Protein backbone atom coordinates (compact mmCIF):
# COMPACT_ATOMS: atom_id res chain seq x y z
CA MET A 1 9.45 -112.36 78.13
CA PHE A 2 13.22 -112.79 78.21
CA ALA A 3 15.56 -111.13 80.68
CA PRO A 4 19.24 -110.62 79.87
CA LEU A 5 21.70 -111.99 82.42
CA ALA A 6 25.04 -110.44 83.32
CA ASP A 7 26.88 -112.97 81.11
CA GLY A 8 24.71 -112.14 78.06
CA LYS A 9 22.55 -115.32 78.24
CA ARG A 10 18.81 -115.02 78.51
CA ALA A 11 16.36 -116.44 81.05
CA ALA A 12 12.71 -116.86 80.14
CA GLY A 13 9.72 -115.99 82.30
CA LEU A 14 11.53 -114.63 85.36
CA PRO A 15 10.12 -111.46 86.93
CA PHE A 16 12.08 -108.21 87.10
CA GLY A 17 14.73 -108.42 89.82
CA ALA A 18 14.45 -112.20 90.23
CA THR A 19 17.61 -114.17 90.81
CA GLN A 20 18.75 -117.21 88.93
CA GLY A 21 21.57 -118.85 90.83
CA SER A 22 23.80 -115.99 91.92
CA LYS A 23 23.02 -113.76 88.95
CA LEU A 24 20.56 -110.89 89.09
CA VAL A 25 18.04 -110.92 86.28
CA VAL A 26 17.21 -107.48 84.93
CA HIS A 27 14.78 -106.69 82.11
CA ALA A 28 16.05 -104.18 79.58
CA ARG A 29 13.04 -101.95 79.01
CA GLY A 30 14.46 -99.08 77.03
CA LEU A 31 12.76 -97.53 74.03
CA GLN A 32 14.64 -99.89 71.70
CA ASN A 33 12.92 -102.89 73.36
CA ARG A 34 9.32 -101.70 72.99
CA GLU A 35 6.57 -104.08 71.99
CA PRO A 36 2.80 -103.59 71.91
CA GLY A 37 1.35 -103.20 75.40
CA PHE A 38 4.71 -102.69 77.12
CA GLU A 39 3.40 -99.71 79.09
CA SER A 40 1.13 -101.92 81.21
CA ARG A 41 4.12 -104.00 82.32
CA LEU A 42 6.31 -101.09 83.39
CA PRO A 43 6.69 -100.58 87.12
CA CYS A 44 4.58 -97.78 88.55
CA LEU A 45 7.07 -95.61 90.41
CA LYS A 46 5.84 -93.58 93.35
CA PHE A 47 7.54 -90.50 94.72
CA HIS A 48 7.01 -89.05 98.18
CA THR A 49 8.75 -86.00 99.69
CA VAL A 50 9.02 -84.99 103.35
CA TYR A 51 10.79 -81.90 104.69
CA ARG A 52 12.12 -81.63 108.21
CA THR A 53 13.40 -78.48 109.92
CA PHE A 54 16.08 -78.64 112.61
CA ASN A 55 17.04 -75.92 115.04
CA THR A 56 19.63 -77.59 117.25
CA GLU A 57 20.43 -76.20 120.67
CA ARG A 58 24.15 -76.86 120.25
CA ARG A 59 26.33 -75.61 117.46
CA ARG A 60 27.35 -79.18 116.61
CA GLU A 61 25.03 -82.08 117.08
CA PHE A 62 24.17 -85.52 115.68
CA VAL A 63 20.40 -86.07 115.44
CA ARG A 64 19.19 -89.62 114.80
CA ILE A 65 16.55 -89.51 112.07
CA THR A 66 16.19 -93.20 111.18
CA GLU A 67 12.60 -93.24 112.44
CA ASP A 68 11.72 -90.15 110.35
CA VAL A 69 13.06 -91.86 107.24
CA GLU A 70 11.17 -95.07 108.09
CA ASP A 71 7.96 -93.03 108.54
CA ALA A 72 8.45 -91.44 105.11
CA VAL A 73 8.86 -94.88 103.51
CA ARG A 74 5.67 -96.12 105.22
CA GLU A 75 3.76 -93.01 104.09
CA ALA A 76 4.96 -93.57 100.51
CA GLY A 77 3.64 -97.13 100.55
CA ILE A 78 6.46 -98.56 98.45
CA GLN A 79 7.83 -102.08 98.77
CA GLU A 80 11.00 -101.77 96.66
CA GLY A 81 13.06 -98.70 95.89
CA MET A 82 15.30 -96.20 97.58
CA VAL A 83 15.17 -93.12 99.73
CA LEU A 84 17.41 -90.09 99.37
CA VAL A 85 18.07 -88.15 102.58
CA ALA A 86 19.77 -84.78 102.02
CA ALA A 87 20.69 -81.81 104.18
CA MET A 88 19.61 -78.63 102.41
CA HIS A 89 22.38 -76.52 103.94
CA ILE A 90 26.11 -76.38 103.27
CA THR A 91 27.13 -76.55 106.93
CA ALA A 92 25.20 -79.74 107.71
CA ALA A 93 25.47 -83.33 106.55
CA VAL A 94 23.75 -86.72 106.60
CA TRP A 95 25.52 -89.96 107.41
CA ILE A 96 24.85 -93.58 108.24
CA ASN A 97 26.73 -95.01 111.18
CA ASP A 98 26.44 -96.54 114.64
CA ASP A 99 24.39 -94.65 117.26
CA GLU A 100 27.21 -94.63 119.78
CA PRO A 101 28.19 -91.39 121.61
CA GLY A 102 31.89 -92.32 121.72
CA LEU A 103 32.00 -92.71 117.95
CA GLN A 104 30.28 -89.36 117.49
CA ALA A 105 32.78 -87.66 119.83
CA ASP A 106 35.67 -89.35 118.01
CA THR A 107 34.25 -88.22 114.67
CA LEU A 108 33.98 -84.59 115.78
CA GLU A 109 37.52 -84.71 117.16
CA TRP A 110 38.81 -86.18 113.88
CA LEU A 111 36.92 -83.56 111.85
CA ASP A 112 38.31 -80.81 114.10
CA LYS A 113 41.84 -81.98 113.33
CA ILE A 114 41.18 -81.64 109.61
CA ALA A 115 38.98 -78.51 109.77
CA PRO A 116 39.66 -76.86 113.16
CA PRO A 117 36.93 -74.60 114.52
CA SER A 118 38.24 -71.09 115.12
CA TRP A 119 35.23 -70.17 117.25
CA LYS A 120 36.39 -72.24 120.24
CA GLU A 121 39.60 -72.86 122.18
CA PRO A 122 41.76 -75.63 120.71
CA ASP A 123 41.52 -78.99 122.48
CA GLY A 124 45.16 -79.57 123.39
CA GLU A 125 48.54 -78.82 121.86
CA THR A 126 48.02 -80.87 118.69
CA ALA A 127 44.79 -79.06 117.90
CA ARG A 128 46.49 -75.72 118.59
CA ASP A 129 49.28 -76.61 116.15
CA LEU A 130 46.72 -77.51 113.47
CA LEU A 131 44.82 -74.22 113.66
CA PRO A 132 44.80 -72.11 110.50
CA ASN A 133 47.26 -69.24 110.25
CA ALA A 134 46.46 -65.93 111.87
CA GLY A 135 44.52 -65.00 108.72
CA ASP A 136 41.93 -67.61 109.72
CA TYR A 137 39.64 -69.15 107.09
CA ARG A 138 39.26 -66.91 104.03
CA HIS A 139 35.52 -67.49 104.31
CA HIS A 140 35.57 -65.50 107.57
CA ARG A 141 36.68 -62.32 105.81
CA GLY A 142 33.03 -61.70 105.00
CA GLY A 143 32.04 -61.77 108.68
CA GLU A 144 31.23 -65.47 109.04
CA ASP A 145 32.76 -67.78 111.66
CA ASN A 146 31.74 -71.17 110.25
CA GLY A 147 34.43 -71.97 107.70
CA ASP A 148 35.16 -75.25 109.45
CA ALA A 149 31.50 -76.31 109.14
CA HIS A 150 31.62 -75.91 105.35
CA LEU A 151 34.70 -78.14 105.18
CA LYS A 152 33.13 -80.73 107.51
CA ASN A 153 30.18 -80.89 105.10
CA LEU A 154 32.61 -81.78 102.31
CA LEU A 155 34.10 -84.59 104.40
CA VAL A 156 30.87 -86.15 105.69
CA HIS A 157 28.74 -85.31 102.62
CA HIS A 158 25.29 -83.80 102.49
CA GLN A 159 23.27 -86.87 101.47
CA VAL A 160 22.84 -90.62 101.65
CA ILE A 161 20.78 -93.11 99.66
CA VAL A 162 19.22 -96.01 101.56
CA PRO A 163 17.75 -99.05 99.80
CA VAL A 164 14.17 -100.06 100.56
CA THR A 165 13.36 -103.79 100.47
CA ASP A 166 10.00 -105.34 101.37
CA GLY A 167 8.74 -101.93 102.51
CA ARG A 168 11.57 -101.36 105.03
CA LEU A 169 14.90 -99.59 105.13
CA ASP A 170 17.57 -102.13 104.21
CA LEU A 171 20.19 -101.10 106.78
CA GLY A 172 22.85 -103.22 108.45
CA PRO A 173 22.42 -104.33 112.07
CA TRP A 174 24.07 -101.26 113.66
CA GLN A 175 23.37 -98.68 110.98
CA GLN A 176 21.30 -95.61 111.78
CA VAL A 177 20.67 -92.43 109.76
CA PHE A 178 21.80 -89.11 111.25
CA TYR A 179 21.43 -85.43 110.51
CA CYS A 180 24.84 -83.94 111.34
CA GLU A 181 24.81 -80.29 112.34
CA PHE A 182 28.11 -78.42 112.24
CA ASP A 183 26.83 -74.85 112.64
CA GLY A 184 23.53 -75.01 114.50
CA GLY A 185 21.43 -72.54 116.40
CA ARG A 186 19.20 -71.56 113.48
CA PRO A 187 16.53 -73.35 111.42
CA LYS A 188 17.83 -75.66 108.71
CA ARG A 189 15.97 -78.03 106.42
CA LEU A 190 16.42 -81.62 105.35
CA VAL A 191 14.60 -83.40 102.52
CA ILE A 192 13.59 -87.07 102.47
CA LYS A 193 12.71 -88.23 98.94
CA VAL A 194 11.26 -91.75 98.65
CA MET A 195 11.22 -93.42 95.22
CA GLY A 196 9.97 -96.87 94.36
CA GLU A 197 7.08 -99.18 93.66
């Protein structure tokens, strides 16, 4: 079996994902490369889904979920692959960062400068100057008060993908996975989707 290298040369007999020098060897196994018996050599992908429900006490909260994601990977029994972690609500997010309270406070302060919450008193003169006009967020015209939470979701994003290597999350030394709530106080769901072999 030959595996194409990034520079177009071929390497013989190396397994899928093996390295040769500093180049990653990848087998091209599309329909155009079929040969008799190819199905038995294809990786057997596994999929595993876990749902979590959060009902935070505070309106805004960072909940560390690294262990929940690790548990889902263990339950899936994969060695190589990836895991998608996604908030299933448009006023929540998922991020990977340091588990340090000062950073979380700084992040909320930064987000408040970009998308000020109208449901609380501004934190200082600068925050007061950044508040939306008297018309408030247009989203609030329908009776809501969480326009800022929707914008914070856009900034932080609702999902992350984490690589899985040797059956473990392949995170950096300080990286942790967090569910980020920007409009809590009611049940919200998160999905963890593990994919791999």
